[in-house]
Amino acid sequence: MRKSALLSFEQMMARIGEIVESLEDSDLPLEKSIDLYEEGMKLIKETRTYLSEAEKRIKIINEEDKIEETDI
C-alpha cells in the first residue's frame, strides 16, 4: 500500500506544502532534493485524482437532485 493512500486529501496538501518549503531551502543535498521532488510529484498526482473523483461525485449528486426536482 502506498504511503499516500493512508493520507487524507488535507494531509497530502500539507505534505506538499512541507516539501515545497524544504525544496526552497538551498542547503539540501541534491539527492534529498530529488527525493522530495519525486514525493511531491506523486502526491500532486494523487491529489488531482482525488479532486477528479470528488468532481465526478458532485456531478452525480447534482444530476440526481435534478431528477428529483423534476419528479416533484
C-alpha atoms as a PDB file:
ATOM      1  CA  MET A   1       0.000   0.000   0.000  1.00  0.00           C
ATOM      2  CA  ARG A   2       1.318   3.426  -0.914  1.00  0.00           C
ATOM      3  CA  LYS A   3       2.116   5.777   1.943  1.00  0.00           C
ATOM      4  CA  SER A   4      -0.079   8.494   0.446  1.00  0.00           C
ATOM      5  CA  ALA A   5      -3.038   6.096   0.298  1.00  0.00           C
ATOM      6  CA  LEU A   6      -3.130   6.379   4.081  1.00  0.00           C
ATOM      7  CA  LEU A   7      -3.291  10.181   3.979  1.00  0.00           C
ATOM      8  CA  SER A   8      -6.369  12.351   3.669  1.00  0.00           C
ATOM      9  CA  PHE A   9      -6.551  14.997   0.965  1.00  0.00           C
ATOM     10  CA  GLU A  10      -5.767  17.679   3.553  1.00  0.00           C
ATOM     11  CA  GLN A  11      -2.766  15.727   4.830  1.00  0.00           C
ATOM     12  CA  MET A  12      -1.445  15.311   1.279  1.00  0.00           C
ATOM     13  CA  MET A  13      -1.798  19.051   0.662  1.00  0.00           C
ATOM     14  CA  ALA A  14       0.000  19.827   3.919  1.00  0.00           C
ATOM     15  CA  ARG A  15       2.812  17.443   2.984  1.00  0.00           C
ATOM     16  CA  ILE A  16       3.138  19.084  -0.437  1.00  0.00           C
ATOM     17  CA  GLY A  17       3.500  22.429   1.358  1.00  0.00           C
ATOM     18  CA  GLU A  18       6.211  20.994   3.592  1.00  0.00           C
ATOM     19  CA  ILE A  19       8.036  19.634   0.567  1.00  0.00           C
ATOM     20  CA  VAL A  20       7.902  23.000  -1.210  1.00  0.00           C
ATOM     21  CA  GLU A  21       9.332  24.722   1.862  1.00  0.00           C
ATOM     22  CA  SER A  22      12.109  22.140   2.101  1.00  0.00           C
ATOM     23  CA  LEU A  23      12.972  22.472  -1.583  1.00  0.00           C
ATOM     24  CA  GLU A  24      13.234  26.232  -1.209  1.00  0.00           C
ATOM     25  CA  ASP A  25      15.972  25.612   1.373  1.00  0.00           C
ATOM     26  CA  SER A  26      19.168  25.846  -0.649  1.00  0.00           C
ATOM     27  CA  ASP A  27      21.109  23.815   1.944  1.00  0.00           C
ATOM     28  CA  LEU A  28      19.564  20.484   0.931  1.00  0.00           C
ATOM     29  CA  PRO A  29      21.812  17.940  -0.752  1.00  0.00           C
ATOM     30  CA  LEU A  30      20.918  17.246  -4.373  1.00  0.00           C
ATOM     31  CA  GLU A  31      19.821  13.649  -3.728  1.00  0.00           C
ATOM     32  CA  LYS A  32      17.487  14.744  -0.918  1.00  0.00           C
ATOM     33  CA  SER A  33      16.033  17.450  -3.178  1.00  0.00           C
ATOM     34  CA  ILE A  34      15.358  14.896  -5.918  1.00  0.00           C
ATOM     35  CA  ASP A  35      13.714  12.510  -3.437  1.00  0.00           C
ATOM     36  CA  LEU A  36      11.465  15.284  -2.120  1.00  0.00           C
ATOM     37  CA  TYR A  37      10.612  16.406  -5.643  1.00  0.00           C
ATOM     38  CA  GLU A  38       9.628  12.862  -6.569  1.00  0.00           C
ATOM     39  CA  GLU A  39       7.474  12.502  -3.447  1.00  0.00           C
ATOM     40  CA  GLY A  40       5.805  15.832  -4.161  1.00  0.00           C
ATOM     41  CA  MET A  41       5.010  14.911  -7.752  1.00  0.00           C
ATOM     42  CA  LYS A  42       3.445  11.630  -6.633  1.00  0.00           C
ATOM     43  CA  LEU A  43       1.321  13.464  -4.077  1.00  0.00           C
ATOM     44  CA  ILE A  44       0.250  16.047  -6.650  1.00  0.00           C
ATOM     45  CA  LYS A  45      -0.839  13.265  -8.983  1.00  0.00           C
ATOM     46  CA  GLU A  46      -2.856  11.640  -6.196  1.00  0.00           C
ATOM     47  CA  THR A  47      -4.492  14.908  -5.133  1.00  0.00           C
ATOM     48  CA  ARG A  48      -5.503  15.548  -8.752  1.00  0.00           C
ATOM     49  CA  THR A  49      -7.043  12.082  -8.905  1.00  0.00           C
ATOM     50  CA  TYR A  50      -8.820  12.704  -5.604  1.00  0.00           C
ATOM     51  CA  LEU A  51     -10.213  16.024  -6.872  1.00  0.00           C
ATOM     52  CA  SER A  52     -11.299  14.447 -10.137  1.00  0.00           C
ATOM     53  CA  GLU A  53     -13.184  11.729  -8.267  1.00  0.00           C
ATOM     54  CA  ALA A  54     -14.767  14.322  -5.981  1.00  0.00           C
ATOM     55  CA  GLU A  55     -15.895  16.324  -9.004  1.00  0.00           C
ATOM     56  CA  LYS A  56     -17.492  13.203 -10.519  1.00  0.00           C
ATOM     57  CA  ARG A  57     -19.349  12.511  -7.276  1.00  0.00           C
ATOM     58  CA  ILE A  58     -20.627  16.100  -7.148  1.00  0.00           C
ATOM     59  CA  LYS A  59     -21.860  15.867 -10.739  1.00  0.00           C
ATOM     60  CA  ILE A  60     -23.718  12.649  -9.926  1.00  0.00           C
ATOM     61  CA  ILE A  61     -25.288  14.237  -6.844  1.00  0.00           C
ATOM     62  CA  ASN A  62     -26.335  17.282  -8.859  1.00  0.00           C
ATOM     63  CA  GLU A  63     -27.828  15.101 -11.592  1.00  0.00           C
ATOM     64  CA  GLU A  64     -29.747  13.071  -9.015  1.00  0.00           C
ATOM     65  CA  ASP A  65     -31.011  16.301  -7.486  1.00  0.00           C
ATOM     66  CA  LYS A  66     -32.244  17.496 -10.894  1.00  0.00           C
ATOM     67  CA  ILE A  67     -34.097  14.207 -11.414  1.00  0.00           C
ATOM     68  CA  GLU A  68     -35.765  14.504  -8.016  1.00  0.00           C
ATOM     69  CA  GLU A  69     -36.784  18.110  -8.744  1.00  0.00           C
ATOM     70  CA  THR A  70     -38.481  17.100 -11.994  1.00  0.00           C
ATOM     71  CA  ASP A  71     -40.372  14.328 -10.179  1.00  0.00           C
ATOM     72  CA  ILE A  72     -41.988  16.846  -7.831  1.00  0.00           C
END
